Amino acid sequence: MTIMAKNISIIVAVDSNMAIGRAGDQLAYISDDLKHFKALTSGHTVVMGRKTSDALPKGVLPNRRNIIVTRSNTFQREGAETVHSVDEALALIADGDEVFIMGGGEIYRQFMPVANTLYITEIDYKFNDVDTFFPRIDEAEWQVAEHSEWQCDPKTSLTYRFITYKRANVI
């Protein structure tokens, strides 16, 4: 994998066991988390795997450049650019522009070595029947740059907070 001077951010919601999904969908829909995601990613490039793109209810995300990483040589999605590797995705990304990696699990694992920021929504709950996990955050490599207070989502009654990690050598 080529490591370049890019502004790569990972954005994800995790439960207390670092789970991120089950049966091709995210674990919870928390209104403030969705607003937080939109506020951070609007006007930027988002990179996702094909399964994550399939889970989007309206196709590609508006007001963003969508890049989909897939192994398929025939996959196409209107409004998105398709690539077949992390290196191909990195080649499309201009230095300086913040790019958001938005899943799924395998895409997070592949981009973790080149990311410099993690935007984590931590949900204080352990979901059942999960099948996808976020990679372990190595405290020697990542430091908490900021975090919000714990909040409760009125619709789901889930408690959550936002945490921003920076790569240790970047702070």
N, C-alpha and C. Protein backbone atom coordinates (compact mmCIF):
# COMPACT_ATOMS: atom_id res chain seq x y z
N MET A 1 0.84 -1.18 0.00
CA MET A 1 0.00 0.00 0.00
C MET A 1 0.88 1.24 0.00
N THR A 2 0.54 2.19 -0.81
CA THR A 2 1.27 3.44 -0.89
C THR A 2 0.82 4.36 0.22
N ILE A 3 1.74 4.92 0.97
CA ILE A 3 1.38 5.88 2.00
C ILE A 3 1.74 7.26 1.49
N MET A 4 0.74 8.11 1.38
CA MET A 4 0.93 9.45 0.84
C MET A 4 0.53 10.48 1.89
N ALA A 5 0.91 11.72 1.66
CA ALA A 5 0.54 12.80 2.57
C ALA A 5 -0.88 13.25 2.24
N LYS A 6 -1.85 12.50 2.70
CA LYS A 6 -3.25 12.80 2.46
C LYS A 6 -3.92 13.13 3.78
N ASN A 7 -5.05 13.80 3.71
CA ASN A 7 -5.83 14.13 4.90
C ASN A 7 -6.98 13.11 4.97
N ILE A 8 -6.66 11.92 5.46
CA ILE A 8 -7.60 10.80 5.48
C ILE A 8 -8.23 10.69 6.86
N SER A 9 -9.55 10.79 6.91
CA SER A 9 -10.30 10.66 8.16
C SER A 9 -11.22 9.46 8.05
N ILE A 10 -11.36 8.75 9.14
CA ILE A 10 -12.30 7.64 9.21
C ILE A 10 -13.45 8.10 10.08
N ILE A 11 -14.68 7.82 9.65
CA ILE A 11 -15.86 8.19 10.41
C ILE A 11 -16.71 6.94 10.61
N VAL A 12 -17.09 6.68 11.87
CA VAL A 12 -17.76 5.42 12.19
C VAL A 12 -18.51 5.55 13.52
N ALA A 13 -19.58 4.77 13.65
CA ALA A 13 -20.26 4.60 14.94
C ALA A 13 -19.99 3.18 15.41
N VAL A 14 -19.55 3.03 16.65
CA VAL A 14 -19.21 1.72 17.21
C VAL A 14 -19.97 1.50 18.51
N ASP A 15 -20.25 0.23 18.81
CA ASP A 15 -20.84 -0.06 20.11
C ASP A 15 -19.71 -0.30 21.12
N SER A 16 -20.06 -0.68 22.34
CA SER A 16 -19.05 -0.83 23.39
C SER A 16 -18.11 -2.01 23.15
N ASN A 17 -18.41 -2.81 22.13
CA ASN A 17 -17.55 -3.94 21.78
C ASN A 17 -16.86 -3.72 20.42
N MET A 18 -16.89 -2.49 19.94
CA MET A 18 -16.30 -2.08 18.65
C MET A 18 -17.04 -2.69 17.44
N ALA A 19 -18.27 -3.14 17.66
CA ALA A 19 -19.09 -3.63 16.54
C ALA A 19 -19.61 -2.43 15.76
N ILE A 20 -19.74 -2.62 14.43
CA ILE A 20 -20.24 -1.53 13.58
C ILE A 20 -21.44 -1.93 12.73
N GLY A 21 -21.71 -3.23 12.61
CA GLY A 21 -22.81 -3.60 11.75
C GLY A 21 -23.31 -5.01 11.94
N ARG A 22 -24.47 -5.24 11.34
CA ARG A 22 -25.05 -6.59 11.30
C ARG A 22 -25.97 -6.67 10.10
N ALA A 23 -25.87 -7.78 9.42
CA ALA A 23 -26.73 -8.06 8.25
C ALA A 23 -26.71 -6.93 7.23
N GLY A 24 -25.54 -6.35 7.00
CA GLY A 24 -25.39 -5.33 5.97
C GLY A 24 -25.90 -3.95 6.33
N ASP A 25 -26.15 -3.69 7.60
CA ASP A 25 -26.65 -2.38 8.01
C ASP A 25 -25.91 -1.93 9.26
N GLN A 26 -25.98 -0.63 9.54
CA GLN A 26 -25.38 -0.13 10.76
C GLN A 26 -26.24 -0.54 11.94
N LEU A 27 -25.68 -0.41 13.14
CA LEU A 27 -26.34 -0.94 14.33
C LEU A 27 -27.49 -0.08 14.83
N ALA A 28 -27.39 1.23 14.68
CA ALA A 28 -28.41 2.12 15.21
C ALA A 28 -28.47 3.39 14.36
N TYR A 29 -29.61 4.01 14.38
CA TYR A 29 -29.79 5.29 13.71
C TYR A 29 -30.08 6.33 14.78
N ILE A 30 -29.04 7.09 15.12
CA ILE A 30 -29.12 8.13 16.14
C ILE A 30 -29.14 9.46 15.40
N SER A 31 -30.19 10.22 15.61
CA SER A 31 -30.39 11.46 14.85
C SER A 31 -29.18 12.40 14.90
N ASP A 32 -28.65 12.66 16.09
CA ASP A 32 -27.50 13.56 16.20
C ASP A 32 -26.26 13.00 15.52
N ASP A 33 -26.11 11.67 15.52
CA ASP A 33 -24.98 11.05 14.83
C ASP A 33 -25.11 11.26 13.32
N LEU A 34 -26.31 11.09 12.79
CA LEU A 34 -26.52 11.31 11.35
C LEU A 34 -26.27 12.77 10.98
N LYS A 35 -26.69 13.69 11.83
CA LYS A 35 -26.43 15.13 11.59
C LYS A 35 -24.94 15.43 11.67
N HIS A 36 -24.26 14.82 12.64
CA HIS A 36 -22.81 14.98 12.82
C HIS A 36 -22.08 14.48 11.56
N PHE A 37 -22.48 13.30 11.09
CA PHE A 37 -21.89 12.72 9.88
C PHE A 37 -22.08 13.66 8.69
N LYS A 38 -23.29 14.15 8.51
CA LYS A 38 -23.58 15.04 7.38
C LYS A 38 -22.78 16.33 7.47
N ALA A 39 -22.72 16.92 8.67
CA ALA A 39 -21.98 18.17 8.86
C ALA A 39 -20.49 18.00 8.55
N LEU A 40 -19.91 16.89 8.97
CA LEU A 40 -18.49 16.67 8.74
C LEU A 40 -18.18 16.35 7.28
N THR A 41 -19.02 15.54 6.63
CA THR A 41 -18.68 15.02 5.31
C THR A 41 -19.18 15.85 4.13
N SER A 42 -20.19 16.69 4.33
CA SER A 42 -20.73 17.48 3.22
C SER A 42 -19.64 18.34 2.59
N GLY A 43 -19.61 18.33 1.27
CA GLY A 43 -18.62 19.10 0.53
C GLY A 43 -17.28 18.41 0.38
N HIS A 44 -17.16 17.20 0.90
CA HIS A 44 -15.90 16.46 0.85
C HIS A 44 -16.07 15.16 0.06
N THR A 45 -14.99 14.43 -0.07
CA THR A 45 -15.01 13.10 -0.69
C THR A 45 -15.28 12.06 0.38
N VAL A 46 -16.16 11.09 0.04
CA VAL A 46 -16.38 9.94 0.90
C VAL A 46 -15.97 8.69 0.12
N VAL A 47 -15.32 7.77 0.84
CA VAL A 47 -14.88 6.51 0.25
C VAL A 47 -15.55 5.40 1.02
N MET A 48 -16.11 4.44 0.29
CA MET A 48 -16.82 3.33 0.92
C MET A 48 -16.66 2.08 0.08
N GLY A 49 -16.93 0.95 0.71
CA GLY A 49 -16.99 -0.31 -0.01
C GLY A 49 -18.33 -0.47 -0.71
N ARG A 50 -18.41 -1.44 -1.59
CA ARG A 50 -19.64 -1.67 -2.34
C ARG A 50 -20.81 -2.00 -1.44
N LYS A 51 -20.59 -2.86 -0.43
CA LYS A 51 -21.69 -3.24 0.47
C LYS A 51 -22.22 -2.03 1.23
N THR A 52 -21.34 -1.14 1.64
CA THR A 52 -21.78 0.09 2.30
C THR A 52 -22.58 0.94 1.34
N SER A 53 -22.13 1.04 0.09
CA SER A 53 -22.89 1.83 -0.90
C SER A 53 -24.25 1.20 -1.15
N ASP A 54 -24.33 -0.14 -1.13
CA ASP A 54 -25.62 -0.82 -1.31
C ASP A 54 -26.59 -0.51 -0.18
N ALA A 55 -26.07 -0.23 1.01
CA ALA A 55 -26.92 0.01 2.17
C ALA A 55 -27.46 1.44 2.23
N LEU A 56 -26.94 2.33 1.39
CA LEU A 56 -27.42 3.72 1.39
C LEU A 56 -28.83 3.76 0.80
N PRO A 57 -29.78 4.32 1.53
CA PRO A 57 -31.17 4.26 1.09
C PRO A 57 -31.47 5.01 -0.22
N LYS A 58 -30.70 6.06 -0.50
CA LYS A 58 -30.98 6.86 -1.70
C LYS A 58 -29.82 6.81 -2.71
N GLY A 59 -28.99 5.78 -2.65
CA GLY A 59 -27.85 5.70 -3.56
C GLY A 59 -26.69 6.52 -3.04
N VAL A 60 -26.03 7.23 -3.93
CA VAL A 60 -24.86 8.01 -3.52
C VAL A 60 -25.26 9.15 -2.60
N LEU A 61 -24.31 9.61 -1.81
CA LEU A 61 -24.58 10.70 -0.88
C LEU A 61 -24.49 12.05 -1.61
N PRO A 62 -25.51 12.88 -1.49
CA PRO A 62 -25.49 14.18 -2.17
C PRO A 62 -24.46 15.12 -1.55
N ASN A 63 -24.04 16.09 -2.34
CA ASN A 63 -23.09 17.13 -1.90
C ASN A 63 -21.75 16.57 -1.47
N ARG A 64 -21.40 15.40 -2.02
CA ARG A 64 -20.11 14.79 -1.73
C ARG A 64 -19.62 14.07 -2.99
N ARG A 65 -18.33 13.96 -3.11
CA ARG A 65 -17.76 13.11 -4.14
C ARG A 65 -17.73 11.69 -3.57
N ASN A 66 -18.39 10.76 -4.24
CA ASN A 66 -18.50 9.38 -3.77
C ASN A 66 -17.52 8.49 -4.54
N ILE A 67 -16.66 7.78 -3.81
CA ILE A 67 -15.75 6.80 -4.40
C ILE A 67 -16.09 5.45 -3.77
N ILE A 68 -16.32 4.45 -4.62
CA ILE A 68 -16.68 3.12 -4.15
C ILE A 68 -15.55 2.16 -4.50
N VAL A 69 -15.07 1.43 -3.50
CA VAL A 69 -14.03 0.43 -3.69
C VAL A 69 -14.72 -0.93 -3.81
N THR A 70 -14.46 -1.63 -4.91
CA THR A 70 -15.08 -2.93 -5.14
C THR A 70 -14.11 -3.84 -5.89
N ARG A 71 -14.28 -5.14 -5.70
CA ARG A 71 -13.47 -6.11 -6.45
C ARG A 71 -14.06 -6.35 -7.84
N SER A 72 -15.34 -6.03 -8.00
CA SER A 72 -16.04 -6.29 -9.26
C SER A 72 -15.53 -5.40 -10.38
N ASN A 73 -15.27 -6.00 -11.53
CA ASN A 73 -14.85 -5.22 -12.69
C ASN A 73 -16.03 -4.63 -13.46
N THR A 74 -17.24 -5.05 -13.12
CA THR A 74 -18.42 -4.58 -13.86
C THR A 74 -19.31 -3.65 -13.03
N PHE A 75 -19.04 -3.52 -11.74
CA PHE A 75 -19.90 -2.69 -10.88
C PHE A 75 -19.82 -1.23 -11.28
N GLN A 76 -20.97 -0.59 -11.37
CA GLN A 76 -21.07 0.85 -11.62
C GLN A 76 -22.21 1.39 -10.78
N ARG A 77 -22.09 2.61 -10.30
CA ARG A 77 -23.19 3.27 -9.61
C ARG A 77 -23.22 4.70 -10.12
N GLU A 78 -24.37 5.10 -10.59
CA GLU A 78 -24.52 6.46 -11.11
C GLU A 78 -24.19 7.46 -10.01
N GLY A 79 -23.35 8.44 -10.36
CA GLY A 79 -22.97 9.48 -9.41
C GLY A 79 -21.76 9.14 -8.56
N ALA A 80 -21.16 7.98 -8.82
CA ALA A 80 -19.99 7.56 -8.02
C ALA A 80 -18.86 7.14 -8.94
N GLU A 81 -17.65 7.25 -8.44
CA GLU A 81 -16.48 6.74 -9.12
C GLU A 81 -16.16 5.38 -8.52
N THR A 82 -15.78 4.44 -9.37
CA THR A 82 -15.49 3.09 -8.90
C THR A 82 -14.00 2.81 -9.05
N VAL A 83 -13.41 2.25 -7.98
CA VAL A 83 -12.01 1.83 -8.00
C VAL A 83 -11.94 0.42 -7.45
N HIS A 84 -10.77 -0.21 -7.59
CA HIS A 84 -10.63 -1.61 -7.21
C HIS A 84 -9.62 -1.87 -6.10
N SER A 85 -9.07 -0.78 -5.53
CA SER A 85 -8.10 -0.96 -4.44
C SER A 85 -7.96 0.35 -3.67
N VAL A 86 -7.37 0.23 -2.49
CA VAL A 86 -7.07 1.40 -1.69
C VAL A 86 -6.11 2.32 -2.46
N ASP A 87 -5.11 1.74 -3.09
CA ASP A 87 -4.16 2.55 -3.86
C ASP A 87 -4.85 3.34 -4.96
N GLU A 88 -5.79 2.72 -5.67
CA GLU A 88 -6.54 3.44 -6.71
C GLU A 88 -7.35 4.58 -6.11
N ALA A 89 -7.97 4.33 -4.96
CA ALA A 89 -8.74 5.39 -4.29
C ALA A 89 -7.81 6.53 -3.88
N LEU A 90 -6.66 6.20 -3.30
CA LEU A 90 -5.71 7.23 -2.88
C LEU A 90 -5.22 8.06 -4.06
N ALA A 91 -5.08 7.42 -5.22
CA ALA A 91 -4.61 8.14 -6.41
C ALA A 91 -5.62 9.20 -6.87
N LEU A 92 -6.89 9.01 -6.54
CA LEU A 92 -7.93 9.97 -6.93
C LEU A 92 -8.06 11.14 -5.97
N ILE A 93 -7.46 11.01 -4.80
CA ILE A 93 -7.64 11.99 -3.74
C ILE A 93 -6.53 13.03 -3.80
N ALA A 94 -6.93 14.30 -3.84
CA ALA A 94 -5.94 15.38 -3.88
C ALA A 94 -5.38 15.64 -2.49
N ASP A 95 -4.10 15.96 -2.43
CA ASP A 95 -3.49 16.34 -1.15
C ASP A 95 -4.20 17.56 -0.59
N GLY A 96 -4.38 17.58 0.71
CA GLY A 96 -4.97 18.74 1.36
C GLY A 96 -6.47 18.63 1.59
N ASP A 97 -7.19 18.01 0.68
CA ASP A 97 -8.63 17.86 0.86
C ASP A 97 -8.91 16.76 1.89
N GLU A 98 -9.82 17.03 2.82
CA GLU A 98 -10.17 15.99 3.79
C GLU A 98 -11.08 14.98 3.12
N VAL A 99 -10.73 13.72 3.29
CA VAL A 99 -11.47 12.60 2.71
C VAL A 99 -11.96 11.74 3.87
N PHE A 100 -13.22 11.29 3.78
CA PHE A 100 -13.82 10.50 4.85
C PHE A 100 -14.04 9.07 4.40
N ILE A 101 -13.46 8.14 5.14
CA ILE A 101 -13.65 6.72 4.90
C ILE A 101 -14.85 6.32 5.75
N MET A 102 -15.89 5.76 5.10
CA MET A 102 -17.15 5.52 5.81
C MET A 102 -17.57 4.06 5.83
N GLY A 103 -16.64 3.15 5.61
CA GLY A 103 -16.95 1.73 5.80
C GLY A 103 -17.03 0.95 4.53
N GLY A 104 -17.20 -0.30 4.73
CA GLY A 104 -17.43 -1.07 5.93
C GLY A 104 -16.15 -1.58 6.56
N GLY A 105 -16.31 -2.69 7.27
CA GLY A 105 -15.24 -3.21 8.10
C GLY A 105 -13.93 -3.44 7.38
N GLU A 106 -13.97 -4.06 6.23
CA GLU A 106 -12.74 -4.34 5.47
C GLU A 106 -12.11 -3.05 4.95
N ILE A 107 -12.93 -2.12 4.50
CA ILE A 107 -12.42 -0.83 4.02
C ILE A 107 -11.75 -0.08 5.18
N TYR A 108 -12.37 -0.09 6.36
CA TYR A 108 -11.73 0.54 7.53
C TYR A 108 -10.37 -0.09 7.80
N ARG A 109 -10.29 -1.42 7.78
CA ARG A 109 -9.01 -2.10 8.05
C ARG A 109 -7.95 -1.69 7.03
N GLN A 110 -8.34 -1.57 5.77
CA GLN A 110 -7.37 -1.24 4.74
C GLN A 110 -6.90 0.21 4.80
N PHE A 111 -7.77 1.11 5.23
CA PHE A 111 -7.40 2.53 5.28
C PHE A 111 -6.80 2.96 6.61
N MET A 112 -6.95 2.14 7.65
CA MET A 112 -6.45 2.52 8.98
C MET A 112 -4.97 2.92 8.98
N PRO A 113 -4.10 2.20 8.25
CA PRO A 113 -2.67 2.59 8.27
C PRO A 113 -2.37 3.96 7.65
N VAL A 114 -3.26 4.48 6.81
CA VAL A 114 -3.00 5.78 6.16
C VAL A 114 -3.86 6.90 6.71
N ALA A 115 -4.77 6.59 7.61
CA ALA A 115 -5.64 7.61 8.19
C ALA A 115 -4.88 8.41 9.23
N ASN A 116 -5.28 9.69 9.40
CA ASN A 116 -4.66 10.50 10.44
C ASN A 116 -5.67 11.04 11.45
N THR A 117 -6.99 10.84 11.18
CA THR A 117 -8.03 11.26 12.11
C THR A 117 -9.11 10.20 12.15
N LEU A 118 -9.64 9.95 13.36
CA LEU A 118 -10.77 9.04 13.54
C LEU A 118 -11.90 9.83 14.19
N TYR A 119 -13.05 9.88 13.54
CA TYR A 119 -14.25 10.48 14.13
C TYR A 119 -15.14 9.31 14.56
N ILE A 120 -15.18 9.05 15.85
CA ILE A 120 -15.88 7.89 16.38
C ILE A 120 -17.12 8.35 17.15
N THR A 121 -18.25 7.76 16.81
CA THR A 121 -19.43 7.90 17.66
C THR A 121 -19.46 6.64 18.50
N GLU A 122 -19.23 6.80 19.79
CA GLU A 122 -19.18 5.66 20.70
C GLU A 122 -20.56 5.49 21.34
N ILE A 123 -21.17 4.34 21.11
CA ILE A 123 -22.48 4.04 21.66
C ILE A 123 -22.28 3.15 22.89
N ASP A 124 -22.82 3.57 24.02
CA ASP A 124 -22.64 2.84 25.27
C ASP A 124 -23.66 1.70 25.37
N TYR A 125 -23.47 0.72 24.51
CA TYR A 125 -24.39 -0.41 24.44
C TYR A 125 -23.69 -1.53 23.66
N LYS A 126 -23.96 -2.75 24.05
CA LYS A 126 -23.41 -3.90 23.32
C LYS A 126 -24.56 -4.57 22.56
N PHE A 127 -24.53 -4.44 21.22
CA PHE A 127 -25.57 -5.02 20.38
C PHE A 127 -25.37 -6.52 20.21
N ASN A 128 -26.45 -7.23 19.99
CA ASN A 128 -26.42 -8.67 19.72
C ASN A 128 -26.39 -8.93 18.22
N ASP A 129 -26.01 -10.14 17.87
CA ASP A 129 -26.05 -10.61 16.47
C ASP A 129 -25.26 -9.72 15.52
N VAL A 130 -24.16 -9.16 15.99
CA VAL A 130 -23.32 -8.32 15.14
C VAL A 130 -22.41 -9.19 14.29
N ASP A 131 -22.00 -8.69 13.13
CA ASP A 131 -21.12 -9.48 12.27
C ASP A 131 -19.96 -8.67 11.69
N THR A 132 -19.90 -7.38 12.02
CA THR A 132 -18.83 -6.54 11.48
C THR A 132 -18.28 -5.67 12.60
N PHE A 133 -16.95 -5.59 12.65
CA PHE A 133 -16.28 -4.87 13.73
C PHE A 133 -15.29 -3.85 13.17
N PHE A 134 -15.05 -2.81 13.95
CA PHE A 134 -14.04 -1.81 13.64
C PHE A 134 -12.70 -2.32 14.16
N PRO A 135 -11.61 -2.03 13.45
CA PRO A 135 -10.29 -2.46 13.94
C PRO A 135 -9.97 -1.85 15.32
N ARG A 136 -9.16 -2.56 16.07
CA ARG A 136 -8.72 -2.08 17.38
C ARG A 136 -7.97 -0.76 17.22
N ILE A 137 -8.26 0.18 18.12
CA ILE A 137 -7.56 1.47 18.11
C ILE A 137 -6.37 1.35 19.06
N ASP A 138 -5.19 1.34 18.51
CA ASP A 138 -3.96 1.20 19.29
C ASP A 138 -3.64 2.52 19.98
N GLU A 139 -3.68 2.51 21.31
CA GLU A 139 -3.45 3.74 22.07
C GLU A 139 -2.03 4.28 21.91
N ALA A 140 -1.11 3.45 21.45
CA ALA A 140 0.25 3.94 21.18
C ALA A 140 0.28 4.76 19.88
N GLU A 141 -0.68 4.51 18.98
CA GLU A 141 -0.72 5.21 17.70
C GLU A 141 -1.73 6.35 17.67
N TRP A 142 -2.75 6.29 18.53
CA TRP A 142 -3.86 7.25 18.48
C TRP A 142 -4.05 7.91 19.83
N GLN A 143 -4.34 9.21 19.81
CA GLN A 143 -4.61 9.96 21.03
C GLN A 143 -5.94 10.69 20.88
N VAL A 144 -6.70 10.75 21.97
CA VAL A 144 -7.95 11.50 21.94
C VAL A 144 -7.64 12.98 21.83
N ALA A 145 -8.16 13.62 20.79
CA ALA A 145 -7.96 15.06 20.59
C ALA A 145 -9.10 15.85 21.23
N GLU A 146 -10.31 15.28 21.18
CA GLU A 146 -11.46 15.90 21.83
C GLU A 146 -12.58 14.88 21.95
N HIS A 147 -13.49 15.16 22.87
CA HIS A 147 -14.67 14.30 23.01
C HIS A 147 -15.81 15.11 23.59
N SER A 148 -17.01 14.71 23.25
CA SER A 148 -18.19 15.37 23.78
C SER A 148 -18.60 14.71 25.09
N GLU A 149 -19.55 15.31 25.75
CA GLU A 149 -20.16 14.69 26.91
C GLU A 149 -21.08 13.57 26.41
N TRP A 150 -21.39 12.64 27.29
CA TRP A 150 -22.34 11.59 26.96
C TRP A 150 -23.71 12.23 26.77
N GLN A 151 -24.43 11.76 25.75
CA GLN A 151 -25.77 12.26 25.45
C GLN A 151 -26.71 11.08 25.29
N CYS A 152 -28.01 11.32 25.43
CA CYS A 152 -28.99 10.25 25.25
C CYS A 152 -29.89 10.59 24.07
N ASP A 153 -29.99 9.67 23.14
CA ASP A 153 -30.86 9.85 21.98
C ASP A 153 -32.31 9.60 22.41
N PRO A 154 -33.18 10.60 22.27
CA PRO A 154 -34.55 10.44 22.74
C PRO A 154 -35.35 9.36 21.99
N LYS A 155 -35.00 9.12 20.75
CA LYS A 155 -35.75 8.15 19.95
C LYS A 155 -35.38 6.70 20.29
N THR A 156 -34.08 6.44 20.47
CA THR A 156 -33.60 5.07 20.70
C THR A 156 -33.27 4.80 22.16
N SER A 157 -33.15 5.86 22.97
CA SER A 157 -32.70 5.80 24.37
C SER A 157 -31.26 5.32 24.51
N LEU A 158 -30.50 5.34 23.41
CA LEU A 158 -29.09 4.96 23.46
C LEU A 158 -28.25 6.14 23.93
N THR A 159 -27.25 5.84 24.75
CA THR A 159 -26.30 6.85 25.22
C THR A 159 -25.08 6.79 24.31
N TYR A 160 -24.58 7.96 23.92
CA TYR A 160 -23.47 8.02 22.96
C TYR A 160 -22.66 9.28 23.21
N ARG A 161 -21.46 9.29 22.62
CA ARG A 161 -20.63 10.50 22.61
C ARG A 161 -19.77 10.49 21.37
N PHE A 162 -19.30 11.67 20.99
CA PHE A 162 -18.41 11.82 19.85
C PHE A 162 -16.97 11.94 20.35
N ILE A 163 -16.08 11.17 19.73
CA ILE A 163 -14.66 11.22 20.10
C ILE A 163 -13.85 11.43 18.82
N THR A 164 -12.91 12.34 18.86
CA THR A 164 -11.99 12.55 17.75
C THR A 164 -10.61 12.11 18.19
N TYR A 165 -10.05 11.18 17.45
CA TYR A 165 -8.68 10.73 17.68
C TYR A 165 -7.78 11.29 16.59
N LYS A 166 -6.57 11.62 16.96
CA LYS A 166 -5.54 12.02 16.00
C LYS A 166 -4.39 11.02 16.11
N ARG A 167 -3.78 10.74 14.97
CA ARG A 167 -2.61 9.87 15.01
C ARG A 167 -1.58 10.53 15.93
N ALA A 168 -0.96 9.75 16.78
CA ALA A 168 -0.08 10.26 17.84
C ALA A 168 1.01 11.18 17.32
N ASN A 169 1.56 10.89 16.16
CA ASN A 169 2.63 11.74 15.63
C ASN A 169 2.11 12.95 14.87
N VAL A 170 0.77 13.15 14.85
CA VAL A 170 0.17 14.27 14.13
C VAL A 170 -0.21 15.40 15.08
N ILE A 171 -0.48 15.07 16.35
CA ILE A 171 -0.93 16.10 17.31
C ILE A 171 0.16 17.11 17.58
